[in-house]
Every structure is written in structure tokens, then in C-alpha cells.
């Protein structure tokens, strides 16, 4: 469904809106709503998994901390 809307030229915000209007449940279910970022990740063939994103975020934090605290003893 979302792939068809993307092929029709709809942006990720419009796709998220349609998914919410159609009451398509998210992975979390319940009252959770679709967001543009989630739709973009869903449609992106090169998207990284949540675990990969978390690992990259942690690497970035450690690199920044090392730069800031590296010279302090």
C-alpha cells in the first residue's frame, strides 16, 4: 500500500497521514501513530535496523566524549 502511494508521488508525510487515516496499526499497536520518519525507514531499501542506528549513535557519543575528555586526566 505505502509502496503504491510512493510510486504515485506522495511524500512520506502524506503516506504517514494516509496510514493513520486508514487505521493501519504500527508495530507498537494501540494508540501509536505513523510518523513520516517511520514511513521513510519502511520504504527505504537501504534502511538500517533500529539496532544498527543505536550502535551508530553510541559510537558517535563515544567519539565526541573522547574528543572532549581525551585531554583531561
Protein backbone atom coordinates (compact mmCIF):
# COMPACT_ATOMS: atom_id res chain seq x y z
CA UNK A 1 0.00 0.00 0.00
CA UNK A 2 2.66 2.52 1.04
CA UNK A 3 4.83 1.49 -1.91
CA UNK A 4 1.95 2.26 -4.27
CA UNK A 5 1.48 5.70 -2.73
CA UNK A 6 5.20 6.36 -3.04
CA UNK A 7 5.06 5.33 -6.70
CA UNK A 8 2.18 7.78 -7.18
CA UNK A 9 4.47 10.53 -5.99
CA UNK A 10 3.21 11.03 -2.44
CA UNK A 11 5.71 12.24 0.12
CA UNK A 12 6.41 10.44 3.37
CA UNK A 13 4.24 12.84 5.40
CA UNK A 14 1.25 12.22 3.15
CA UNK A 15 1.86 8.48 3.33
CA UNK A 16 2.01 8.60 7.14
CA UNK A 17 -1.22 10.60 7.17
CA UNK A 18 -2.95 8.04 4.93
CA UNK A 19 -1.74 5.13 7.04
CA UNK A 20 -3.15 6.83 10.14
CA UNK A 21 -6.44 7.67 8.39
CA UNK A 22 -6.75 4.05 7.22
CA UNK A 23 -6.09 2.98 10.83
CA UNK A 24 -3.25 0.70 9.76
CA UNK A 25 -1.63 -0.35 13.05
CA UNK A 26 2.01 0.42 13.71
CA UNK A 27 4.42 -2.17 15.04
CA UNK A 28 3.63 -0.92 18.57
CA UNK A 29 -0.11 -1.05 18.03
CA UNK A 30 -2.53 0.61 20.41
CA UNK A 31 -2.70 4.37 20.09
CA UNK A 32 0.67 4.66 18.33
CA UNK A 33 0.59 6.76 15.16
CA UNK A 34 2.60 6.61 11.97
CA UNK A 35 5.24 9.31 11.57
CA UNK A 36 7.00 10.44 8.42
CA UNK A 37 10.36 9.12 9.64
CA UNK A 38 8.92 5.67 10.31
CA UNK A 39 7.35 5.57 6.87
CA UNK A 40 10.59 6.69 5.27
CA UNK A 41 12.54 3.93 7.01
CA UNK A 42 9.91 1.40 6.00
CA UNK A 43 10.15 2.40 2.34
CA UNK A 44 13.92 2.79 2.21
CA UNK A 45 15.54 -0.36 0.84
CA UNK A 46 18.88 0.67 2.34
CA UNK A 47 17.47 1.44 5.77
CA UNK A 48 19.43 0.28 8.78
CA UNK A 49 17.77 -1.66 11.55
CA UNK A 50 17.00 0.02 14.87
CA UNK A 51 19.88 -1.92 16.37
CA UNK A 52 22.27 -0.56 13.73
CA UNK A 53 21.05 3.00 14.33
CA UNK A 54 21.51 2.60 18.10
CA UNK A 55 25.03 1.21 17.61
CA UNK A 56 25.99 4.13 15.34
CA UNK A 57 24.54 6.63 17.81
CA UNK A 58 26.57 5.11 20.65
CA UNK A 59 29.75 5.21 18.54
CA UNK A 60 29.14 8.90 17.84
CA UNK A 61 28.61 9.64 21.54
CA UNK A 62 31.81 7.84 22.50
CA UNK A 63 33.80 9.65 19.79
CA UNK A 64 32.52 13.03 20.97
CA UNK A 65 33.23 12.20 24.61
CA UNK A 66 36.76 11.11 23.74
CA UNK A 67 37.38 14.38 21.88
CA UNK A 68 36.05 16.43 24.79
CA UNK A 69 37.52 14.44 27.65
CA UNK A 70 40.55 13.00 25.90
CA UNK A 71 42.97 15.61 27.21
CA UNK A 72 41.65 15.61 30.78
CA UNK A 73 43.43 13.44 33.34
